Amino acid sequence: ILLYVLFYIVYTLCAIPSGMLSDKIGRKPVLITGYLVFAVTSLGLILTSSIYTILIFFIVYGVFYAMIDGVQRALVVDLAPGNLKATALGTFHTAIGLVALPGGYVAGLLWDKIGPGATFTYGFTLAIISIALFMFVKPTSRVRS
């Protein structure tokens, strides 16, 4: 429980600066950097067994989440037509909900059947795939990259 308290403290401290950065340099660079942070965090958790290093990576996980949470939503709003912004956000959150349940199940199954390293390898792999897919996102004329 204390790790999640720490996670949310870091998330809270980093969410506004992450949003400000995305307003300044664009959504795409912040999101790609956020997923790179997640990939590094996952890789670090694969390679370490030290409780102190795990603590550091959990702090970094809070930075990752702050970088992507609000910025993903902002990108959805940026890309949606003016009369469909709320519909786009609803669709986005529905998609997140639909993949979260099987994603959590797969992560738990990997943890139970293979070990924690498999779960973090799964996260690392999905982060790299996310980065690759973001390379294909082309902002509209009213959206900076």
N, C-alpha and C. Protein backbone atom coordinates (compact mmCIF):
# COMPACT_ATOMS: atom_id res chain seq x y z
N ILE A 1 0.84 -1.19 0.00
CA ILE A 1 0.00 0.00 0.00
C ILE A 1 0.88 1.25 0.00
N LEU A 2 1.97 1.24 0.75
CA LEU A 2 2.85 2.41 0.81
C LEU A 2 3.48 2.71 -0.54
N LEU A 3 3.76 1.67 -1.34
CA LEU A 3 4.30 1.90 -2.68
C LEU A 3 3.30 2.66 -3.54
N TYR A 4 2.02 2.32 -3.42
CA TYR A 4 1.00 3.03 -4.20
C TYR A 4 0.81 4.46 -3.71
N VAL A 5 0.96 4.69 -2.43
CA VAL A 5 0.91 6.07 -1.91
C VAL A 5 2.05 6.87 -2.53
N LEU A 6 3.25 6.29 -2.53
CA LEU A 6 4.41 6.94 -3.14
C LEU A 6 4.17 7.18 -4.63
N PHE A 7 3.65 6.17 -5.31
CA PHE A 7 3.34 6.28 -6.74
C PHE A 7 2.42 7.48 -6.99
N TYR A 8 1.35 7.60 -6.22
CA TYR A 8 0.38 8.68 -6.44
C TYR A 8 0.93 10.04 -6.03
N ILE A 9 1.82 10.09 -5.08
CA ILE A 9 2.48 11.37 -4.75
C ILE A 9 3.31 11.83 -5.94
N VAL A 10 4.10 10.92 -6.50
CA VAL A 10 4.93 11.26 -7.66
C VAL A 10 4.04 11.62 -8.85
N TYR A 11 3.00 10.85 -9.09
CA TYR A 11 2.06 11.13 -10.17
C TYR A 11 1.47 12.53 -10.01
N THR A 12 1.03 12.85 -8.82
CA THR A 12 0.42 14.16 -8.55
C THR A 12 1.41 15.29 -8.80
N LEU A 13 2.64 15.11 -8.39
CA LEU A 13 3.66 16.15 -8.57
C LEU A 13 4.06 16.33 -10.03
N CYS A 14 3.95 15.28 -10.82
CA CYS A 14 4.44 15.32 -12.21
C CYS A 14 3.35 15.52 -13.26
N ALA A 15 2.08 15.38 -12.89
CA ALA A 15 1.00 15.45 -13.89
C ALA A 15 0.90 16.82 -14.54
N ILE A 16 0.89 17.89 -13.76
CA ILE A 16 0.77 19.23 -14.34
C ILE A 16 1.99 19.58 -15.18
N PRO A 17 3.21 19.38 -14.68
CA PRO A 17 4.37 19.67 -15.55
C PRO A 17 4.36 18.86 -16.86
N SER A 18 3.88 17.62 -16.81
CA SER A 18 3.80 16.81 -18.03
C SER A 18 2.81 17.41 -19.02
N GLY A 19 1.67 17.85 -18.52
CA GLY A 19 0.68 18.49 -19.37
C GLY A 19 1.21 19.79 -19.96
N MET A 20 1.89 20.57 -19.14
CA MET A 20 2.48 21.82 -19.62
C MET A 20 3.52 21.55 -20.71
N LEU A 21 4.32 20.52 -20.50
CA LEU A 21 5.33 20.17 -21.50
C LEU A 21 4.66 19.76 -22.81
N SER A 22 3.58 19.00 -22.73
CA SER A 22 2.89 18.58 -23.96
C SER A 22 2.25 19.77 -24.67
N ASP A 23 1.80 20.77 -23.90
CA ASP A 23 1.27 21.99 -24.51
C ASP A 23 2.38 22.76 -25.23
N LYS A 24 3.58 22.66 -24.72
CA LYS A 24 4.71 23.41 -25.29
C LYS A 24 5.35 22.70 -26.49
N ILE A 25 5.62 21.39 -26.35
CA ILE A 25 6.38 20.69 -27.41
C ILE A 25 5.52 19.72 -28.22
N GLY A 26 4.30 19.47 -27.80
CA GLY A 26 3.42 18.56 -28.52
C GLY A 26 3.14 17.29 -27.73
N ARG A 27 2.03 16.67 -28.05
CA ARG A 27 1.60 15.45 -27.34
C ARG A 27 2.51 14.26 -27.66
N LYS A 28 2.79 14.08 -28.93
CA LYS A 28 3.52 12.88 -29.38
C LYS A 28 4.88 12.73 -28.70
N PRO A 29 5.72 13.77 -28.64
CA PRO A 29 7.02 13.59 -27.99
C PRO A 29 6.90 13.23 -26.51
N VAL A 30 5.91 13.81 -25.83
CA VAL A 30 5.73 13.50 -24.40
C VAL A 30 5.25 12.07 -24.24
N LEU A 31 4.32 11.64 -25.08
CA LEU A 31 3.83 10.26 -24.98
C LEU A 31 4.92 9.25 -25.31
N ILE A 32 5.68 9.50 -26.34
CA ILE A 32 6.78 8.57 -26.69
C ILE A 32 7.79 8.52 -25.56
N THR A 33 8.13 9.67 -24.99
CA THR A 33 9.06 9.69 -23.86
C THR A 33 8.47 8.95 -22.66
N GLY A 34 7.19 9.15 -22.41
CA GLY A 34 6.52 8.45 -21.31
C GLY A 34 6.60 6.94 -21.47
N TYR A 35 6.34 6.46 -22.68
CA TYR A 35 6.42 5.02 -22.90
C TYR A 35 7.86 4.51 -22.86
N LEU A 36 8.81 5.35 -23.23
CA LEU A 36 10.23 4.97 -23.04
C LEU A 36 10.55 4.85 -21.56
N VAL A 37 10.03 5.77 -20.75
CA VAL A 37 10.22 5.70 -19.29
C VAL A 37 9.63 4.39 -18.76
N PHE A 38 8.44 4.02 -19.26
CA PHE A 38 7.83 2.76 -18.84
C PHE A 38 8.67 1.56 -19.27
N ALA A 39 9.20 1.60 -20.48
CA ALA A 39 10.05 0.50 -20.96
C ALA A 39 11.28 0.35 -20.07
N VAL A 40 11.92 1.47 -19.74
CA VAL A 40 13.10 1.44 -18.86
C VAL A 40 12.71 0.92 -17.48
N THR A 41 11.56 1.37 -16.98
CA THR A 41 11.09 0.90 -15.67
C THR A 41 10.86 -0.61 -15.69
N SER A 42 10.19 -1.10 -16.72
CA SER A 42 9.94 -2.54 -16.83
C SER A 42 11.24 -3.32 -16.93
N LEU A 43 12.15 -2.83 -17.75
CA LEU A 43 13.45 -3.49 -17.89
C LEU A 43 14.20 -3.50 -16.56
N GLY A 44 14.16 -2.38 -15.85
CA GLY A 44 14.80 -2.30 -14.54
C GLY A 44 14.22 -3.29 -13.55
N LEU A 45 12.89 -3.44 -13.58
CA LEU A 45 12.25 -4.38 -12.67
C LEU A 45 12.53 -5.84 -13.05
N ILE A 46 12.82 -6.08 -14.32
CA ILE A 46 13.22 -7.43 -14.74
C ILE A 46 14.59 -7.77 -14.16
N LEU A 47 15.48 -6.78 -14.14
CA LEU A 47 16.89 -7.03 -13.82
C LEU A 47 17.26 -6.88 -12.35
N THR A 48 16.37 -6.35 -11.53
CA THR A 48 16.75 -6.09 -10.14
C THR A 48 15.99 -6.97 -9.16
N SER A 49 16.60 -7.16 -8.02
CA SER A 49 15.92 -7.83 -6.91
C SER A 49 16.09 -7.02 -5.63
N SER A 50 16.79 -5.91 -5.73
CA SER A 50 17.02 -5.04 -4.57
C SER A 50 15.75 -4.25 -4.24
N ILE A 51 15.34 -4.28 -3.01
CA ILE A 51 14.14 -3.56 -2.59
C ILE A 51 14.29 -2.06 -2.83
N TYR A 52 15.50 -1.54 -2.67
CA TYR A 52 15.73 -0.10 -2.87
C TYR A 52 15.62 0.27 -4.35
N THR A 53 16.13 -0.58 -5.20
CA THR A 53 16.02 -0.33 -6.64
C THR A 53 14.58 -0.47 -7.09
N ILE A 54 13.86 -1.43 -6.55
CA ILE A 54 12.44 -1.58 -6.85
C ILE A 54 11.69 -0.31 -6.44
N LEU A 55 12.03 0.24 -5.30
CA LEU A 55 11.42 1.48 -4.82
C LEU A 55 11.68 2.62 -5.81
N ILE A 56 12.90 2.74 -6.29
CA ILE A 56 13.25 3.78 -7.26
C ILE A 56 12.44 3.60 -8.55
N PHE A 57 12.35 2.37 -9.03
CA PHE A 57 11.59 2.13 -10.26
C PHE A 57 10.10 2.38 -10.05
N PHE A 58 9.58 2.18 -8.86
CA PHE A 58 8.18 2.49 -8.59
C PHE A 58 7.96 4.00 -8.63
N ILE A 59 8.94 4.77 -8.17
CA ILE A 59 8.88 6.24 -8.28
C ILE A 59 8.87 6.63 -9.76
N VAL A 60 9.75 6.02 -10.54
CA VAL A 60 9.83 6.31 -11.97
C VAL A 60 8.52 5.90 -12.66
N TYR A 61 7.89 4.84 -12.18
CA TYR A 61 6.59 4.42 -12.71
C TYR A 61 5.55 5.54 -12.53
N GLY A 62 5.60 6.24 -11.41
CA GLY A 62 4.72 7.38 -11.18
C GLY A 62 4.96 8.49 -12.19
N VAL A 63 6.22 8.72 -12.54
CA VAL A 63 6.57 9.72 -13.57
C VAL A 63 5.98 9.29 -14.91
N PHE A 64 6.15 8.02 -15.26
CA PHE A 64 5.58 7.50 -16.52
C PHE A 64 4.09 7.77 -16.58
N TYR A 65 3.38 7.39 -15.53
CA TYR A 65 1.92 7.50 -15.56
C TYR A 65 1.49 8.95 -15.66
N ALA A 66 2.21 9.84 -14.99
CA ALA A 66 1.90 11.27 -15.08
C ALA A 66 2.12 11.78 -16.50
N MET A 67 3.12 11.23 -17.19
CA MET A 67 3.43 11.68 -18.54
C MET A 67 2.39 11.22 -19.56
N ILE A 68 1.74 10.11 -19.33
CA ILE A 68 0.83 9.61 -20.36
C ILE A 68 -0.65 9.79 -20.03
N ASP A 69 -1.02 9.82 -18.78
CA ASP A 69 -2.44 9.80 -18.41
C ASP A 69 -3.21 10.98 -19.01
N GLY A 70 -2.89 12.17 -18.62
CA GLY A 70 -3.61 13.34 -19.14
C GLY A 70 -3.28 13.66 -20.58
N VAL A 71 -2.04 13.39 -20.98
CA VAL A 71 -1.59 13.74 -22.33
C VAL A 71 -2.29 12.86 -23.37
N GLN A 72 -2.52 11.58 -23.07
CA GLN A 72 -3.29 10.72 -23.99
C GLN A 72 -4.68 11.30 -24.20
N ARG A 73 -5.31 11.71 -23.13
CA ARG A 73 -6.66 12.28 -23.23
C ARG A 73 -6.64 13.56 -24.05
N ALA A 74 -5.63 14.39 -23.83
CA ALA A 74 -5.51 15.63 -24.60
C ALA A 74 -5.35 15.32 -26.08
N LEU A 75 -4.57 14.30 -26.41
CA LEU A 75 -4.38 13.93 -27.81
C LEU A 75 -5.70 13.47 -28.43
N VAL A 76 -6.47 12.69 -27.68
CA VAL A 76 -7.78 12.24 -28.18
C VAL A 76 -8.65 13.46 -28.49
N VAL A 77 -8.69 14.42 -27.58
CA VAL A 77 -9.49 15.63 -27.79
C VAL A 77 -8.95 16.41 -28.99
N ASP A 78 -7.63 16.52 -29.11
CA ASP A 78 -7.03 17.24 -30.23
C ASP A 78 -7.40 16.62 -31.58
N LEU A 79 -7.44 15.30 -31.63
CA LEU A 79 -7.67 14.61 -32.90
C LEU A 79 -9.15 14.49 -33.26
N ALA A 80 -10.03 14.65 -32.28
CA ALA A 80 -11.47 14.49 -32.52
C ALA A 80 -12.07 15.73 -33.17
N PRO A 81 -13.04 15.53 -34.06
CA PRO A 81 -13.76 16.68 -34.60
C PRO A 81 -14.49 17.42 -33.47
N GLY A 82 -14.70 18.71 -33.66
CA GLY A 82 -15.28 19.56 -32.62
C GLY A 82 -16.57 19.05 -32.01
N ASN A 83 -17.43 18.45 -32.81
CA ASN A 83 -18.72 18.00 -32.30
C ASN A 83 -18.68 16.58 -31.73
N LEU A 84 -17.51 15.95 -31.72
CA LEU A 84 -17.41 14.57 -31.24
C LEU A 84 -16.34 14.38 -30.16
N LYS A 85 -15.93 15.44 -29.52
CA LYS A 85 -14.85 15.34 -28.52
C LYS A 85 -15.25 14.44 -27.34
N ALA A 86 -16.44 14.63 -26.80
CA ALA A 86 -16.88 13.80 -25.67
C ALA A 86 -17.08 12.35 -26.11
N THR A 87 -17.60 12.16 -27.31
CA THR A 87 -17.77 10.80 -27.84
C THR A 87 -16.40 10.14 -28.01
N ALA A 88 -15.44 10.88 -28.51
CA ALA A 88 -14.08 10.34 -28.68
C ALA A 88 -13.48 9.95 -27.33
N LEU A 89 -13.66 10.80 -26.32
CA LEU A 89 -13.15 10.45 -24.98
C LEU A 89 -13.85 9.23 -24.42
N GLY A 90 -15.16 9.15 -24.61
CA GLY A 90 -15.90 7.97 -24.16
C GLY A 90 -15.43 6.70 -24.85
N THR A 91 -15.19 6.80 -26.15
CA THR A 91 -14.68 5.66 -26.92
C THR A 91 -13.29 5.26 -26.44
N PHE A 92 -12.44 6.26 -26.21
CA PHE A 92 -11.09 6.01 -25.72
C PHE A 92 -11.13 5.27 -24.38
N HIS A 93 -11.95 5.75 -23.45
CA HIS A 93 -12.01 5.12 -22.13
C HIS A 93 -12.66 3.74 -22.19
N THR A 94 -13.60 3.55 -23.11
CA THR A 94 -14.17 2.21 -23.30
C THR A 94 -13.09 1.25 -23.79
N ALA A 95 -12.30 1.70 -24.75
CA ALA A 95 -11.21 0.85 -25.26
C ALA A 95 -10.21 0.52 -24.16
N ILE A 96 -9.87 1.51 -23.35
CA ILE A 96 -8.95 1.27 -22.22
C ILE A 96 -9.54 0.22 -21.28
N GLY A 97 -10.81 0.37 -20.96
CA GLY A 97 -11.46 -0.60 -20.08
C GLY A 97 -11.51 -2.00 -20.67
N LEU A 98 -11.75 -2.08 -21.97
CA LEU A 98 -11.85 -3.38 -22.62
C LEU A 98 -10.51 -4.12 -22.69
N VAL A 99 -9.41 -3.38 -22.76
CA VAL A 99 -8.10 -4.05 -22.81
C VAL A 99 -7.49 -4.22 -21.42
N ALA A 100 -7.96 -3.44 -20.44
CA ALA A 100 -7.38 -3.53 -19.10
C ALA A 100 -7.68 -4.87 -18.44
N LEU A 101 -8.89 -5.36 -18.60
CA LEU A 101 -9.25 -6.62 -17.95
C LEU A 101 -8.44 -7.80 -18.49
N PRO A 102 -8.43 -8.05 -19.80
CA PRO A 102 -7.58 -9.16 -20.26
C PRO A 102 -6.09 -8.89 -20.07
N GLY A 103 -5.69 -7.62 -20.16
CA GLY A 103 -4.28 -7.28 -19.94
C GLY A 103 -3.84 -7.61 -18.53
N GLY A 104 -4.67 -7.27 -17.56
CA GLY A 104 -4.37 -7.60 -16.17
C GLY A 104 -4.38 -9.10 -15.93
N TYR A 105 -5.29 -9.78 -16.60
CA TYR A 105 -5.36 -11.24 -16.48
C TYR A 105 -4.08 -11.88 -17.02
N VAL A 106 -3.65 -11.44 -18.20
CA VAL A 106 -2.43 -11.98 -18.81
C VAL A 106 -1.23 -11.69 -17.91
N ALA A 107 -1.14 -10.46 -17.39
CA ALA A 107 -0.02 -10.10 -16.51
C ALA A 107 -0.01 -10.99 -15.26
N GLY A 108 -1.18 -11.20 -14.67
CA GLY A 108 -1.27 -12.06 -13.49
C GLY A 108 -0.93 -13.51 -13.79
N LEU A 109 -1.39 -13.98 -14.92
CA LEU A 109 -1.09 -15.35 -15.35
C LEU A 109 0.42 -15.53 -15.56
N LEU A 110 1.04 -14.57 -16.22
CA LEU A 110 2.50 -14.63 -16.42
C LEU A 110 3.23 -14.65 -15.08
N TRP A 111 2.79 -13.80 -14.15
CA TRP A 111 3.40 -13.72 -12.82
C TRP A 111 3.29 -15.07 -12.10
N ASP A 112 2.08 -15.65 -12.12
CA ASP A 112 1.84 -16.91 -11.41
C ASP A 112 2.53 -18.11 -12.06
N LYS A 113 2.48 -18.19 -13.37
CA LYS A 113 2.96 -19.39 -14.07
C LYS A 113 4.46 -19.34 -14.40
N ILE A 114 4.99 -18.13 -14.65
CA ILE A 114 6.40 -18.03 -15.06
C ILE A 114 7.22 -17.26 -14.04
N GLY A 115 6.67 -16.15 -13.54
CA GLY A 115 7.38 -15.35 -12.55
C GLY A 115 7.26 -13.86 -12.87
N PRO A 116 7.65 -13.02 -11.90
CA PRO A 116 7.54 -11.57 -12.07
C PRO A 116 8.27 -11.05 -13.31
N GLY A 117 9.41 -11.62 -13.62
CA GLY A 117 10.17 -11.17 -14.78
C GLY A 117 9.37 -11.26 -16.07
N ALA A 118 8.54 -12.29 -16.19
CA ALA A 118 7.71 -12.46 -17.39
C ALA A 118 6.67 -11.34 -17.48
N THR A 119 6.13 -10.95 -16.35
CA THR A 119 5.15 -9.85 -16.33
C THR A 119 5.80 -8.55 -16.78
N PHE A 120 7.00 -8.27 -16.27
CA PHE A 120 7.68 -7.03 -16.65
C PHE A 120 8.18 -7.09 -18.10
N THR A 121 8.51 -8.28 -18.58
CA THR A 121 8.87 -8.43 -19.99
C THR A 121 7.66 -8.13 -20.88
N TYR A 122 6.50 -8.58 -20.45
CA TYR A 122 5.23 -8.28 -21.14
C TYR A 122 5.02 -6.76 -21.19
N GLY A 123 5.20 -6.08 -20.06
CA GLY A 123 5.06 -4.63 -20.02
C GLY A 123 6.07 -3.93 -20.91
N PHE A 124 7.31 -4.38 -20.86
CA PHE A 124 8.37 -3.81 -21.70
C PHE A 124 8.02 -3.96 -23.18
N THR A 125 7.58 -5.15 -23.55
CA THR A 125 7.23 -5.42 -24.95
C THR A 125 6.08 -4.53 -25.41
N LEU A 126 5.05 -4.39 -24.58
CA LEU A 126 3.92 -3.54 -24.95
C LEU A 126 4.33 -2.07 -25.03
N ALA A 127 5.25 -1.64 -24.19
CA ALA A 127 5.74 -0.26 -24.26
C ALA A 127 6.46 -0.02 -25.58
N ILE A 128 7.29 -0.95 -26.00
CA ILE A 128 8.01 -0.80 -27.27
C ILE A 128 7.03 -0.80 -28.44
N ILE A 129 6.03 -1.67 -28.39
CA ILE A 129 5.00 -1.69 -29.44
C ILE A 129 4.25 -0.36 -29.47
N SER A 130 3.93 0.18 -28.29
CA SER A 130 3.23 1.48 -28.22
C SER A 130 4.06 2.59 -28.84
N ILE A 131 5.34 2.60 -28.54
CA ILE A 131 6.24 3.61 -29.12
C ILE A 131 6.24 3.48 -30.65
N ALA A 132 6.36 2.26 -31.15
CA ALA A 132 6.37 2.04 -32.60
C ALA A 132 5.06 2.51 -33.23
N LEU A 133 3.94 2.21 -32.60
CA LEU A 133 2.65 2.63 -33.14
C LEU A 133 2.49 4.15 -33.12
N PHE A 134 3.00 4.81 -32.08
CA PHE A 134 2.91 6.27 -32.02
C PHE A 134 3.68 6.94 -33.14
N MET A 135 4.65 6.27 -33.69
CA MET A 135 5.39 6.83 -34.82
C MET A 135 4.47 7.05 -36.03
N PHE A 136 3.37 6.30 -36.08
CA PHE A 136 2.43 6.41 -37.20
C PHE A 136 1.32 7.42 -36.95
N VAL A 137 1.21 7.95 -35.75
CA VAL A 137 0.18 8.95 -35.45
C VAL A 137 0.58 10.25 -36.13
N LYS A 138 -0.28 10.71 -37.01
CA LYS A 138 -0.02 11.96 -37.71
C LYS A 138 -1.01 12.99 -37.20
N PRO A 139 -0.51 14.02 -36.52
CA PRO A 139 -1.41 15.04 -36.00
C PRO A 139 -2.12 15.78 -37.13
N THR A 140 -3.33 16.25 -36.83
CA THR A 140 -4.04 17.08 -37.79
C THR A 140 -3.37 18.44 -37.85
N SER A 141 -3.78 19.27 -38.75
CA SER A 141 -3.14 20.58 -38.92
C SER A 141 -3.26 21.45 -37.67
N ARG A 142 -4.29 21.20 -36.86
CA ARG A 142 -4.47 22.02 -35.66
C ARG A 142 -3.75 21.44 -34.44
N VAL A 143 -3.04 20.34 -34.63
CA VAL A 143 -2.37 19.67 -33.52
C VAL A 143 -0.88 19.60 -33.79
N ARG A 144 -0.08 20.03 -32.81
CA ARG A 144 1.36 19.84 -32.93
C ARG A 144 1.69 18.39 -32.67
N SER A 145 2.80 17.93 -33.23
CA SER A 145 3.21 16.54 -33.02
C SER A 145 3.51 16.33 -31.56
